[in-house]
Amino acid sequence: VNTGCGMYAKPDMANRGTYNLEPNEYATVHANSFYIAQIKSL
């Protein structure tokens, strides 16, 4: 739930208008999916 965790949509230069999703530089999670969570406390 750190807002620094994410995925870049990197342009695919061989296919105009297509963006490939890749993990960003966030250290602890190499993200490749989305998840909806509920937080009652930390």
Full PDB file with SEQRES, HELIX, SHEET, SSBOND, CRYST1, ORIGX, SCALE, CONECT and MASTER records, all heavy atoms in Angstrom:
SEQRES   1 A   42  VAL ASN THR GLY CYS GLY MET TYR ALA LYS PRO ASP MET          
SEQRES   2 A   42  ALA ASN ARG GLY THR TYR ASN LEU GLU PRO ASN GLU TYR          
SEQRES   3 A   42  ALA THR VAL HIS ALA ASN SER PHE TYR ILE ALA GLN ILE          
SEQRES   4 A   42  LYS SER LEU                                                  
SHEET    1 AA1 2 MET A   7  PRO A  11  0                                        
SHEET    2 AA1 2 TYR A  19  PRO A  23 -1                                        
CRYST1    1.000    1.000    1.000  90.00  90.00  90.00 P 1           1          
ORIGX1      1.000000  0.000000  0.000000        0.00000                         
ORIGX2      0.000000  1.000000  0.000000        0.00000                         
ORIGX3      0.000000  0.000000  1.000000        0.00000                         
SCALE1      1.000000  0.000000  0.000000        0.00000                         
SCALE2      0.000000  1.000000  0.000000        0.00000                         
SCALE3      0.000000  0.000000  1.000000        0.00000                         
ATOM      1  N   VAL A   1       0.835  -1.204   0.000  1.00  0.00           N  
ATOM      2  CA  VAL A   1       0.000   0.000   0.000  1.00  0.00           C  
ATOM      3  C   VAL A   1       0.871   1.257   0.000  1.00  0.00           C  
ATOM      4  O   VAL A   1       0.374   2.361   0.212  1.00  0.00           O  
ATOM      5  CB  VAL A   1      -0.966   0.019   1.211  1.00  0.00           C  
ATOM      6  CG1 VAL A   1      -1.992  -1.083   1.082  1.00  0.00           C  
ATOM      7  CG2 VAL A   1      -0.197  -0.085   2.526  1.00  0.00           C  
ATOM      8  N   ASN A   2       2.152   1.115  -0.263  1.00  0.00           N  
ATOM      9  CA  ASN A   2       3.019   2.266  -0.471  1.00  0.00           C  
ATOM     10  C   ASN A   2       2.754   2.822  -1.868  1.00  0.00           C  
ATOM     11  O   ASN A   2       2.773   2.087  -2.854  1.00  0.00           O  
ATOM     12  CB  ASN A   2       4.491   1.846  -0.333  1.00  0.00           C  
ATOM     13  CG  ASN A   2       5.428   3.028  -0.340  1.00  0.00           C  
ATOM     14  OD1 ASN A   2       5.424   3.842  -1.255  1.00  0.00           O  
ATOM     15  ND2 ASN A   2       6.268   3.117   0.681  1.00  0.00           N  
ATOM     16  N   THR A   3       2.522   4.130  -1.949  1.00  0.00           N  
ATOM     17  CA  THR A   3       2.182   4.724  -3.248  1.00  0.00           C  
ATOM     18  C   THR A   3       3.354   4.698  -4.228  1.00  0.00           C  
ATOM     19  O   THR A   3       3.184   5.001  -5.404  1.00  0.00           O  
ATOM     20  CB  THR A   3       1.710   6.180  -3.078  1.00  0.00           C  
ATOM     21  OG1 THR A   3       2.717   6.928  -2.382  1.00  0.00           O  
ATOM     22  CG2 THR A   3       0.410   6.229  -2.277  1.00  0.00           C  
ATOM     23  N   GLY A   4       4.537   4.344  -3.756  1.00  0.00           N  
ATOM     24  CA  GLY A   4       5.672   4.191  -4.655  1.00  0.00           C  
ATOM     25  C   GLY A   4       5.685   2.874  -5.406  1.00  0.00           C  
ATOM     26  O   GLY A   4       6.467   2.699  -6.342  1.00  0.00           O  
ATOM     27  N   CYS A   5       4.823   1.960  -5.010  1.00  0.00           N  
ATOM     28  CA  CYS A   5       4.758   0.656  -5.667  1.00  0.00           C  
ATOM     29  C   CYS A   5       3.921   0.756  -6.930  1.00  0.00           C  
ATOM     30  O   CYS A   5       2.793   1.257  -6.896  1.00  0.00           O  
ATOM     31  CB  CYS A   5       4.144  -0.366  -4.715  1.00  0.00           C  
ATOM     32  SG  CYS A   5       3.968  -2.016  -5.413  1.00  0.00           S  
ATOM     33  N   GLY A   6       4.456   0.275  -8.071  1.00  0.00           N  
ATOM     34  CA  GLY A   6       3.673   0.408  -9.286  1.00  0.00           C  
ATOM     35  C   GLY A   6       4.247  -0.286 -10.492  1.00  0.00           C  
ATOM     36  O   GLY A   6       5.188  -1.079 -10.403  1.00  0.00           O  
ATOM     37  N   MET A   7       3.662   0.047 -11.648  1.00  0.00           N  
ATOM     38  CA  MET A   7       4.065  -0.509 -12.939  1.00  0.00           C  
ATOM     39  C   MET A   7       4.103   0.608 -13.976  1.00  0.00           C  
ATOM     40  O   MET A   7       3.159   1.396 -14.079  1.00  0.00           O  
ATOM     41  CB  MET A   7       3.087  -1.587 -13.401  1.00  0.00           C  
ATOM     42  CG  MET A   7       3.122  -2.872 -12.602  1.00  0.00           C  
ATOM     43  SD  MET A   7       1.927  -4.079 -13.261  1.00  0.00           S  
ATOM     44  CE  MET A   7       0.424  -3.480 -12.475  1.00  0.00           C  
ATOM     45  N   TYR A   8       5.192   0.654 -14.729  1.00  0.00           N  
ATOM     46  CA  TYR A   8       5.275   1.563 -15.866  1.00  0.00           C  
ATOM     47  C   TYR A   8       4.541   0.967 -17.063  1.00  0.00           C  
ATOM     48  O   TYR A   8       4.592  -0.241 -17.305  1.00  0.00           O  
ATOM     49  CB  TYR A   8       6.727   1.807 -16.270  1.00  0.00           C  
ATOM     50  CG  TYR A   8       7.419   2.874 -15.465  1.00  0.00           C  
ATOM     51  CD1 TYR A   8       8.518   2.563 -14.670  1.00  0.00           C  
ATOM     52  CD2 TYR A   8       6.983   4.199 -15.512  1.00  0.00           C  
ATOM     53  CE1 TYR A   8       9.173   3.553 -13.942  1.00  0.00           C  
ATOM     54  CE2 TYR A   8       7.627   5.189 -14.784  1.00  0.00           C  
ATOM     55  CZ  TYR A   8       8.713   4.858 -13.999  1.00  0.00           C  
ATOM     56  OH  TYR A   8       9.356   5.838 -13.281  1.00  0.00           O  
ATOM     57  N   ALA A   9       3.873   1.849 -17.812  1.00  0.00           N  
ATOM     58  CA  ALA A   9       3.346   1.468 -19.125  1.00  0.00           C  
ATOM     59  C   ALA A   9       4.356   1.972 -20.151  1.00  0.00           C  
ATOM     60  O   ALA A   9       4.374   3.153 -20.517  1.00  0.00           O  
ATOM     61  CB  ALA A   9       1.971   2.085 -19.348  1.00  0.00           C  
ATOM     62  N   LYS A  10       5.234   1.082 -20.586  1.00  0.00           N  
ATOM     63  CA  LYS A  10       6.346   1.444 -21.451  1.00  0.00           C  
ATOM     64  C   LYS A  10       5.950   1.299 -22.919  1.00  0.00           C  
ATOM     65  O   LYS A  10       5.467   0.239 -23.336  1.00  0.00           O  
ATOM     66  CB  LYS A  10       7.552   0.552 -21.151  1.00  0.00           C  
ATOM     67  CG  LYS A  10       8.797   0.892 -21.947  1.00  0.00           C  
ATOM     68  CD  LYS A  10       9.959  -0.003 -21.537  1.00  0.00           C  
ATOM     69  CE  LYS A  10      11.204   0.322 -22.353  1.00  0.00           C  
ATOM     70  NZ  LYS A  10      12.347  -0.546 -21.966  1.00  0.00           N  
ATOM     71  N   PRO A  11       6.130   2.334 -23.732  1.00  0.00           N  
ATOM     72  CA  PRO A  11       5.718   2.265 -25.139  1.00  0.00           C  
ATOM     73  C   PRO A  11       6.424   1.126 -25.882  1.00  0.00           C  
ATOM     74  O   PRO A  11       7.629   0.922 -25.735  1.00  0.00           O  
ATOM     75  CB  PRO A  11       6.140   3.626 -25.703  1.00  0.00           C  
ATOM     76  CG  PRO A  11       6.202   4.522 -24.514  1.00  0.00           C  
ATOM     77  CD  PRO A  11       6.668   3.663 -23.386  1.00  0.00           C  
ATOM     78  N   ASP A  12       5.635   0.387 -26.643  1.00  0.00           N  
ATOM     79  CA  ASP A  12       6.171  -0.664 -27.525  1.00  0.00           C  
ATOM     80  C   ASP A  12       6.454  -0.003 -28.875  1.00  0.00           C  
ATOM     81  O   ASP A  12       5.529   0.307 -29.630  1.00  0.00           O  
ATOM     82  CB  ASP A  12       5.138  -1.785 -27.660  1.00  0.00           C  
ATOM     83  CG  ASP A  12       5.645  -2.966 -28.471  1.00  0.00           C  
ATOM     84  OD1 ASP A  12       6.596  -2.789 -29.262  1.00  0.00           O  
ATOM     85  OD2 ASP A  12       5.083  -4.062 -28.340  1.00  0.00           O  
ATOM     86  N   MET A  13       7.724   0.212 -29.186  1.00  0.00           N  
ATOM     87  CA  MET A  13       8.078   0.965 -30.383  1.00  0.00           C  
ATOM     88  C   MET A  13       7.748   0.219 -31.665  1.00  0.00           C  
ATOM     89  O   MET A  13       7.651   0.814 -32.742  1.00  0.00           O  
ATOM     90  CB  MET A  13       9.564   1.327 -30.352  1.00  0.00           C  
ATOM     91  CG  MET A  13       9.949   2.175 -29.143  1.00  0.00           C  
ATOM     92  SD  MET A  13       8.916   3.659 -28.955  1.00  0.00           S  
ATOM     93  CE  MET A  13       9.390   4.584 -30.403  1.00  0.00           C  
ATOM     94  N   ALA A  14       7.546  -1.092 -31.577  1.00  0.00           N  
ATOM     95  CA  ALA A  14       7.199  -1.877 -32.763  1.00  0.00           C  
ATOM     96  C   ALA A  14       5.697  -1.878 -33.022  1.00  0.00           C  
ATOM     97  O   ALA A  14       5.256  -2.236 -34.116  1.00  0.00           O  
ATOM     98  CB  ALA A  14       7.714  -3.307 -32.614  1.00  0.00           C  
ATOM     99  N   ASN A  15       4.917  -1.482 -32.020  1.00  0.00           N  
ATOM    100  CA  ASN A  15       3.451  -1.485 -32.150  1.00  0.00           C  
ATOM    101  C   ASN A  15       2.915  -0.160 -31.597  1.00  0.00           C  
ATOM    102  O   ASN A  15       2.721  -0.021 -30.386  1.00  0.00           O  
ATOM    103  CB  ASN A  15       2.844  -2.660 -31.385  1.00  0.00           C  
ATOM    104  CG  ASN A  15       3.289  -4.001 -31.917  1.00  0.00           C  
ATOM    105  OD1 ASN A  15       2.850  -4.438 -32.987  1.00  0.00           O  
ATOM    106  ND2 ASN A  15       4.177  -4.671 -31.174  1.00  0.00           N  
ATOM    107  N   ARG A  16       2.718   0.777 -32.490  1.00  0.00           N  
ATOM    108  CA  ARG A  16       2.286   2.116 -32.100  1.00  0.00           C  
ATOM    109  C   ARG A  16       0.965   2.058 -31.335  1.00  0.00           C  
ATOM    110  O   ARG A  16       0.020   1.388 -31.763  1.00  0.00           O  
ATOM    111  CB  ARG A  16       2.125   2.992 -33.344  1.00  0.00           C  
ATOM    112  CG  ARG A  16       1.780   4.440 -33.047  1.00  0.00           C  
ATOM    113  CD  ARG A  16       1.703   5.238 -34.340  1.00  0.00           C  
ATOM    114  NE  ARG A  16       1.318   6.607 -34.093  1.00  0.00           N  
ATOM    115  CZ  ARG A  16       2.149   7.586 -33.737  1.00  0.00           C  
ATOM    116  NH1 ARG A  16       3.426   7.323 -33.602  1.00  0.00           N  
ATOM    117  NH2 ARG A  16       1.708   8.816 -33.528  1.00  0.00           N  
ATOM    118  N   GLY A  17       0.906   2.745 -30.195  1.00  0.00           N  
ATOM    119  CA  GLY A  17      -0.307   2.771 -29.387  1.00  0.00           C  
ATOM    120  C   GLY A  17      -0.382   1.664 -28.360  1.00  0.00           C  
ATOM    121  O   GLY A  17      -1.355   1.586 -27.605  1.00  0.00           O  
ATOM    122  N   THR A  18       0.625   0.795 -28.310  1.00  0.00           N  
ATOM    123  CA  THR A  18       0.666  -0.284 -27.325  1.00  0.00           C  
ATOM    124  C   THR A  18       1.703   0.049 -26.257  1.00  0.00           C  
ATOM    125  O   THR A  18       2.811   0.494 -26.559  1.00  0.00           O  
ATOM    126  CB  THR A  18       1.019  -1.624 -27.981  1.00  0.00           C  
ATOM    127  OG1 THR A  18      -0.020  -1.978 -28.898  1.00  0.00           O  
ATOM    128  CG2 THR A  18       1.147  -2.729 -26.942  1.00  0.00           C  
ATOM    129  N   TYR A  19       1.317  -0.170 -25.004  1.00  0.00           N  
ATOM    130  CA  TYR A  19       2.203   0.066 -23.866  1.00  0.00           C  
ATOM    131  C   TYR A  19       2.302  -1.227 -23.068  1.00  0.00           C  
ATOM    132  O   TYR A  19       1.291  -1.770 -22.614  1.00  0.00           O  
ATOM    133  CB  TYR A  19       1.649   1.180 -22.966  1.00  0.00           C  
ATOM    134  CG  TYR A  19       1.553   2.520 -23.632  1.00  0.00           C  
ATOM    135  CD1 TYR A  19       0.506   2.817 -24.513  1.00  0.00           C  
ATOM    136  CD2 TYR A  19       2.491   3.510 -23.390  1.00  0.00           C  
ATOM    137  CE1 TYR A  19       0.409   4.050 -25.125  1.00  0.00           C  
ATOM    138  CE2 TYR A  19       2.411   4.754 -23.990  1.00  0.00           C  
ATOM    139  CZ  TYR A  19       1.368   5.015 -24.859  1.00  0.00           C  
ATOM    140  OH  TYR A  19       1.277   6.246 -25.469  1.00  0.00           O  
ATOM    141  N   ASN A  20       3.514  -1.731 -22.903  1.00  0.00           N  
ATOM    142  CA  ASN A  20       3.737  -2.941 -22.129  1.00  0.00           C  
ATOM    143  C   ASN A  20       3.963  -2.582 -20.666  1.00  0.00           C  
ATOM    144  O   ASN A  20       4.748  -1.682 -20.347  1.00  0.00           O  
ATOM    145  CB  ASN A  20       4.945  -3.702 -22.667  1.00  0.00           C  
ATOM    146  CG  ASN A  20       4.737  -4.147 -24.104  1.00  0.00           C  
ATOM    147  OD1 ASN A  20       3.660  -4.609 -24.468  1.00  0.00           O  
ATOM    148  ND2 ASN A  20       5.762  -4.002 -24.934  1.00  0.00           N  
ATOM    149  N   LEU A  21       3.269  -3.284 -19.769  1.00  0.00           N  
ATOM    150  CA  LEU A  21       3.372  -2.973 -18.345  1.00  0.00           C  
ATOM    151  C   LEU A  21       4.531  -3.739 -17.715  1.00  0.00           C  
ATOM    152  O   LEU A  21       4.635  -4.951 -17.863  1.00  0.00           O  
ATOM    153  CB  LEU A  21       2.063  -3.281 -17.621  1.00  0.00           C  
ATOM    154  CG  LEU A  21       1.082  -2.093 -17.593  1.00  0.00           C  
ATOM    155  CD1 LEU A  21       0.496  -1.840 -18.967  1.00  0.00           C  
ATOM    156  CD2 LEU A  21      -0.010  -2.279 -16.579  1.00  0.00           C  
ATOM    157  N   GLU A  22       5.381  -2.993 -17.016  1.00  0.00           N  
ATOM    158  CA  GLU A  22       6.555  -3.556 -16.376  1.00  0.00           C  
ATOM    159  C   GLU A  22       6.673  -2.994 -14.961  1.00  0.00           C  
ATOM    160  O   GLU A  22       6.283  -1.854 -14.712  1.00  0.00           O  
ATOM    161  CB  GLU A  22       7.829  -3.195 -17.158  1.00  0.00           C  
ATOM    162  CG  GLU A  22       7.828  -3.670 -18.597  1.00  0.00           C  
ATOM    163  CD  GLU A  22       9.078  -3.229 -19.340  1.00  0.00           C  
ATOM    164  OE1 GLU A  22       9.905  -2.507 -18.727  1.00  0.00           O  
ATOM    165  OE2 GLU A  22       9.223  -3.603 -20.514  1.00  0.00           O  
ATOM    166  N   PRO A  23       7.231  -3.761 -14.010  1.00  0.00           N  
ATOM    167  CA  PRO A  23       7.408  -3.249 -12.646  1.00  0.00           C  
ATOM    168  C   PRO A  23       8.276  -1.995 -12.637  1.00  0.00           C  
ATOM    169  O   PRO A  23       9.220  -1.879 -13.426  1.00  0.00           O  
ATOM    170  CB  PRO A  23       8.114  -4.397 -11.910  1.00  0.00           C  
ATOM    171  CG  PRO A  23       7.844  -5.611 -12.733  1.00  0.00           C  
ATOM    172  CD  PRO A  23       7.721  -5.146 -14.151  1.00  0.00           C  
ATOM    173  N   ASN A  24       7.935  -1.045 -11.774  1.00  0.00           N  
ATOM    174  CA  ASN A  24       8.804   0.120 -11.637  1.00  0.00           C  
ATOM    175  C   ASN A  24       9.956  -0.212 -10.695  1.00  0.00           C  
ATOM    176  O   ASN A  24      10.190  -1.376 -10.362  1.00  0.00           O  
ATOM    177  CB  ASN A  24       8.004   1.336 -11.166  1.00  0.00           C  
ATOM    178  CG  ASN A  24       7.571   1.236  -9.706  1.00  0.00           C  
ATOM    179  OD1 ASN A  24       7.523   0.151  -9.132  1.00  0.00           O  
ATOM    180  ND2 ASN A  24       7.229   2.367  -9.110  1.00  0.00           N  
ATOM    181  N   GLU A  25      10.667   0.789 -10.251  1.00  0.00           N  
ATOM    182  CA  GLU A  25      11.878   0.555  -9.483  1.00  0.00           C  
ATOM    183  C   GLU A  25      11.607   0.336  -7.999  1.00  0.00           C  
ATOM    184  O   GLU A  25      12.529   0.320  -7.191  1.00  0.00           O  
ATOM    185  CB  GLU A  25      12.845   1.734  -9.653  1.00  0.00           C  
ATOM    186  CG  GLU A  25      13.386   1.909 -11.065  1.00  0.00           C  
ATOM    187  CD  GLU A  25      12.460   2.713 -11.953  1.00  0.00           C  
ATOM    188  OE1 GLU A  25      11.373   3.122 -11.476  1.00  0.00           O  
ATOM    189  OE2 GLU A  25      12.805   2.932 -13.121  1.00  0.00           O  
ATOM    190  N   TYR A  26      10.345   0.194  -7.605  1.00  0.00           N  
ATOM    191  CA  TYR A  26      10.028  -0.033  -6.193  1.00  0.00           C  
ATOM    192  C   TYR A  26      10.687  -1.324  -5.716  1.00  0.00           C  
ATOM    193  O   TYR A  26      10.555  -2.378  -6.339  1.00  0.00           O  
ATOM    194  CB  TYR A  26       8.515  -0.094  -6.002  1.00  0.00           C  
ATOM    195  CG  TYR A  26       8.086  -0.179  -4.556  1.00  0.00           C  
ATOM    196  CD1 TYR A  26       8.209   0.928  -3.720  1.00  0.00           C  
ATOM    197  CD2 TYR A  26       7.571  -1.351  -4.035  1.00  0.00           C  
ATOM    198  CE1 TYR A  26       7.817   0.863  -2.407  1.00  0.00           C  
ATOM    199  CE2 TYR A  26       7.170  -1.426  -2.704  1.00  0.00           C  
ATOM    200  CZ  TYR A  26       7.306  -0.313  -1.898  1.00  0.00           C  
ATOM    201  OH  TYR A  26       6.925  -0.383  -0.583  1.00  0.00           O  
ATOM    202  N   ALA A  27      11.380  -1.257  -4.586  1.00  0.00           N  
ATOM    203  CA  ALA A  27      12.332  -2.303  -4.213  1.00  0.00           C  
ATOM    204  C   ALA A  27      11.695  -3.620  -3.779  1.00  0.00           C  
ATOM    205  O   ALA A  27      12.202  -4.693  -4.106  1.00  0.00           O  
ATOM    206  CB  ALA A  27      13.248  -1.792  -3.101  1.00  0.00           C  
ATOM    207  N   THR A  28      10.594  -3.561  -3.038  1.00  0.00           N  
ATOM    208  CA  THR A  28      10.138  -4.786  -2.366  1.00  0.00           C  
ATOM    209  C   THR A  28       9.066  -5.570  -3.114  1.00  0.00           C  
ATOM    210  O   THR A  28       8.825  -6.722  -2.803  1.00  0.00           O  
ATOM    211  CB  THR A  28       9.605  -4.441  -0.959  1.00  0.00           C  
ATOM    212  OG1 THR A  28       8.480  -3.551  -1.077  1.00  0.00           O  
ATOM    213  CG2 THR A  28      10.683  -3.787  -0.124  1.00  0.00           C  
ATOM    214  N   VAL A  29       8.413  -4.927  -4.085  1.00  0.00           N  
ATOM    215  CA  VAL A  29       7.356  -5.619  -4.840  1.00  0.00           C  
ATOM    216  C   VAL A  29       7.579  -5.387  -6.333  1.00  0.00           C  
ATOM    217  O   VAL A  29       7.577  -4.246  -6.782  1.00  0.00           O  
ATOM    218  CB  VAL A  29       5.950  -5.114  -4.437  1.00  0.00           C  
ATOM    219  CG1 VAL A  29       4.886  -5.797  -5.288  1.00  0.00           C  
ATOM    220  CG2 VAL A  29       5.681  -5.349  -2.950  1.00  0.00           C  
ATOM    221  N   HIS A  30       7.762  -6.465  -7.079  1.00  0.00           N  
ATOM    222  CA  HIS A  30       7.896  -6.373  -8.530  1.00  0.00           C  
ATOM    223  C   HIS A  30       6.516  -6.642  -9.135  1.00  0.00           C  
ATOM    224  O   HIS A  30       6.178  -7.765  -9.508  1.00  0.00           O  
ATOM    225  CB  HIS A  30       8.943  -7.373  -9.023  1.00  0.00           C  
ATOM    226  CG  HIS A  30      10.304  -7.136  -8.451  1.00  0.00           C  
ATOM    227  ND1 HIS A  30      11.119  -6.114  -8.876  1.00  0.00           N  
ATOM    228  CD2 HIS A  30      10.964  -7.752  -7.439  1.00  0.00           C  
ATOM    229  CE1 HIS A  30      12.234  -6.122  -8.181  1.00  0.00           C  
ATOM    230  NE2 HIS A  30      12.171  -7.104  -7.299  1.00  0.00           N  
ATOM    231  N   ALA A  31       5.741  -5.577  -9.210  1.00  0.00           N  
ATOM    232  CA  ALA A  31       4.317  -5.714  -9.482  1.00  0.00           C  
ATOM    233  C   ALA A  31       4.031  -6.131 -10.920  1.00  0.00           C  
ATOM    234  O   ALA A  31       4.697  -5.678 -11.861  1.00  0.00           O  
ATOM    235  CB  ALA A  31       3.611  -4.395  -9.180  1.00  0.00           C  
ATOM    236  N   ASN A  32       3.020  -6.991 -11.073  1.00  0.00           N  
ATOM    237  CA  ASN A  32       2.517  -7.354 -12.392  1.00  0.00           C  
ATOM    238  C   ASN A  32       1.001  -7.555 -12.391  1.00  0.00           C  
ATOM    239  O   ASN A  32       0.436  -8.045 -13.367  1.00  0.00           O  
ATOM    240  CB  ASN A  32       3.210  -8.617 -12.920  1.00  0.00           C  
ATOM    241  CG  ASN A  32       2.918  -9.843 -12.072  1.00  0.00           C  
ATOM    242  OD1 ASN A  32       2.205  -9.764 -11.062  1.00  0.00           O  
ATOM    243  ND2 ASN A  32       3.465 -10.988 -12.472  1.00  0.00           N  
ATOM    244  N   SER A  33       0.333  -7.190 -11.271  1.00  0.00           N  
ATOM    245  CA  SER A  33      -1.102  -7.397 -11.135  1.00  0.00           C  
ATOM    246  C   SER A  33      -1.707  -6.266 -10.306  1.00  0.00           C  
ATOM    247  O   SER A  33      -0.983  -5.500  -9.658  1.00  0.00           O  
ATOM    248  CB  SER A  33      -1.388  -8.743 -10.448  1.00  0.00           C  
ATOM    249  OG  SER A  33      -0.784  -9.813 -11.136  1.00  0.00           O  
ATOM    250  N   PHE A  34      -3.048  -6.165 -10.342  1.00  0.00           N  
ATOM    251  CA  PHE A  34      -3.777  -5.231  -9.496  1.00  0.00           C  
ATOM    252  C   PHE A  34      -4.530  -6.012  -8.427  1.00  0.00           C  
ATOM    253  O   PHE A  34      -4.960  -7.147  -8.655  1.00  0.00           O  
ATOM    254  CB  PHE A  34      -4.783  -4.409 -10.302  1.00  0.00           C  
ATOM    255  CG  PHE A  34      -4.173  -3.553 -11.371  1.00  0.00           C  
ATOM    256  CD1 PHE A  34      -4.867  -3.301 -12.539  1.00  0.00           C  
ATOM    257  CD2 PHE A  34      -2.922  -2.972 -11.209  1.00  0.00           C  
ATOM    258  CE1 PHE A  34      -4.327  -2.514 -13.539  1.00  0.00           C  
ATOM    259  CE2 PHE A  34      -2.364  -2.179 -12.195  1.00  0.00           C  
ATOM    260  CZ  PHE A  34      -3.074  -1.951 -13.363  1.00  0.00           C  
ATOM    261  N   TYR A  35      -4.731  -5.376  -7.280  1.00  0.00           N  
ATOM    262  CA  TYR A  35      -5.421  -6.030  -6.168  1.00  0.00           C  
ATOM    263  C   TYR A  35      -6.189  -4.982  -5.383  1.00  0.00           C  
ATOM    264  O   TYR A  35      -5.658  -3.918  -5.060  1.00  0.00           O  
ATOM    265  CB  TYR A  35      -4.390  -6.743  -5.278  1.00  0.00           C  
ATOM    266  CG  TYR A  35      -4.924  -7.313  -3.994  1.00  0.00           C  
ATOM    267  CD1 TYR A  35      -5.964  -8.241  -3.991  1.00  0.00           C  
ATOM    268  CD2 TYR A  35      -4.360  -6.947  -2.766  1.00  0.00           C  
ATOM    269  CE1 TYR A  35      -6.439  -8.780  -2.809  1.00  0.00           C  
ATOM    270  CE2 TYR A  35      -4.819  -7.487  -1.579  1.00  0.00           C  
ATOM    271  CZ  TYR A  35      -5.862  -8.396  -1.605  1.00  0.00           C  
ATOM    272  OH  TYR A  35      -6.328  -8.940  -0.432  1.00  0.00           O  
ATOM    273  N   ILE A  36      -7.462  -5.272  -5.072  1.00  0.00           N  
ATOM    274  CA  ILE A  36      -8.289  -4.398  -4.260  1.00  0.00           C  
ATOM    275  C   ILE A  36      -8.298  -4.939  -2.835  1.00  0.00           C  
ATOM    276  O   ILE A  36      -8.708  -6.074  -2.599  1.00  0.00           O  
ATOM    277  CB  ILE A  36      -9.723  -4.306  -4.801  1.00  0.00           C  
ATOM    278  CG1 ILE A  36      -9.712  -3.829  -6.251  1.00  0.00           C  
ATOM    279  CG2 ILE A  36     -10.562  -3.373  -3.941  1.00  0.00           C  
ATOM    280  CD1 ILE A  36      -9.163  -2.444  -6.457  1.00  0.00           C  
ATOM    281  N   ALA A  37      -7.822  -4.119  -1.891  1.00  0.00           N  
ATOM    282  CA  ALA A  37      -7.702  -4.548  -0.494  1.00  0.00           C  
ATOM    283  C   ALA A  37      -8.493  -3.616   0.411  1.00  0.00           C  
ATOM    284  O   ALA A  37      -8.742  -2.457   0.073  1.00  0.00           O  
ATOM    285  CB  ALA A  37      -6.238  -4.548  -0.072  1.00  0.00           C  
ATOM    286  N   GLN A  38      -8.886  -4.140   1.576  1.00  0.00           N  
ATOM    287  CA  GLN A  38      -9.498  -3.289   2.585  1.00  0.00           C  
ATOM    288  C   GLN A  38      -8.565  -3.235   3.794  1.00  0.00           C  
ATOM    289  O   GLN A  38      -7.941  -4.226   4.169  1.00  0.00           O  
ATOM    290  CB  GLN A  38     -10.880  -3.785   2.991  1.00  0.00           C  
ATOM    291  CG  GLN A  38     -10.912  -5.139   3.694  1.00  0.00           C  
ATOM    292  CD  GLN A  38     -12.317  -5.516   4.130  1.00  0.00           C  
ATOM    293  OE1 GLN A  38     -13.275  -4.822   3.797  1.00  0.00           O  
ATOM    294  NE2 GLN A  38     -12.442  -6.606   4.864  1.00  0.00           N  
ATOM    295  N   ILE A  39      -8.448  -2.064   4.369  1.00  0.00           N  
ATOM    296  CA  ILE A  39      -7.528  -1.849   5.462  1.00  0.00           C  
ATOM    297  C   ILE A  39      -8.316  -1.356   6.676  1.00  0.00           C  
ATOM    298  O   ILE A  39      -8.906  -0.278   6.647  1.00  0.00           O  
ATOM    299  CB  ILE A  39      -6.453  -0.811   5.086  1.00  0.00           C  
ATOM    300  CG1 ILE A  39      -5.697  -1.254   3.828  1.00  0.00           C  
ATOM    301  CG2 ILE A  39      -5.492  -0.576   6.247  1.00  0.00           C  
ATOM    302  CD1 ILE A  39      -4.702  -0.234   3.320  1.00  0.00           C  
ATOM    303  N   LYS A  40      -8.334  -2.182   7.727  1.00  0.00           N  
ATOM    304  CA  LYS A  40      -8.954  -1.759   8.977  1.00  0.00           C  
ATOM    305  C   LYS A  40      -7.934  -1.117   9.903  1.00  0.00           C  
ATOM    306  O   LYS A  40      -8.257  -0.251  10.698  1.00  0.00           O  
ATOM    307  CB  LYS A  40      -9.616  -2.958   9.661  1.00  0.00           C  
ATOM    308  CG  LYS A  40     -10.764  -3.556   8.850  1.00  0.00           C  
ATOM    309  CD  LYS A  40     -11.412  -4.715   9.569  1.00  0.00           C  
ATOM    310  CE  LYS A  40     -12.542  -5.311   8.733  1.00  0.00           C  
ATOM    311  NZ  LYS A  40     -13.185  -6.476   9.397  1.00  0.00           N  
ATOM    312  N   SER A  41      -6.704  -1.552   9.778  1.00  0.00           N  
ATOM    313  CA  SER A  41      -5.587  -0.960  10.516  1.00  0.00           C  
ATOM    314  C   SER A  41      -4.316  -1.405   9.820  1.00  0.00           C  
ATOM    315  O   SER A  41      -4.348  -2.248   8.923  1.00  0.00           O  
ATOM    316  CB  SER A  41      -5.585  -1.420  11.977  1.00  0.00           C  
ATOM    317  OG  SER A  41      -5.220  -2.796  12.058  1.00  0.00           O  
ATOM    318  N   LEU A  42      -3.192  -0.886  10.254  1.00  0.00           N  
ATOM    319  CA  LEU A  42      -1.931  -1.291   9.640  1.00  0.00           C  
ATOM    320  C   LEU A  42      -1.637  -2.760   9.891  1.00  0.00           C  
ATOM    321  O   LEU A  42      -0.860  -3.377   9.172  1.00  0.00           O  
ATOM    322  CB  LEU A  42      -0.785  -0.425  10.180  1.00  0.00           C  
ATOM    323  CG  LEU A  42      -0.811   1.048   9.747  1.00  0.00           C  
ATOM    324  CD1 LEU A  42       0.339   1.799  10.402  1.00  0.00           C  
ATOM    325  CD2 LEU A  42      -0.737   1.171   8.230  1.00  0.00           C  
TER     326      LEU A  42                                                      
MASTER        0    0    0    0    2    0    0    6  325    1    0    4          
END                                                                             
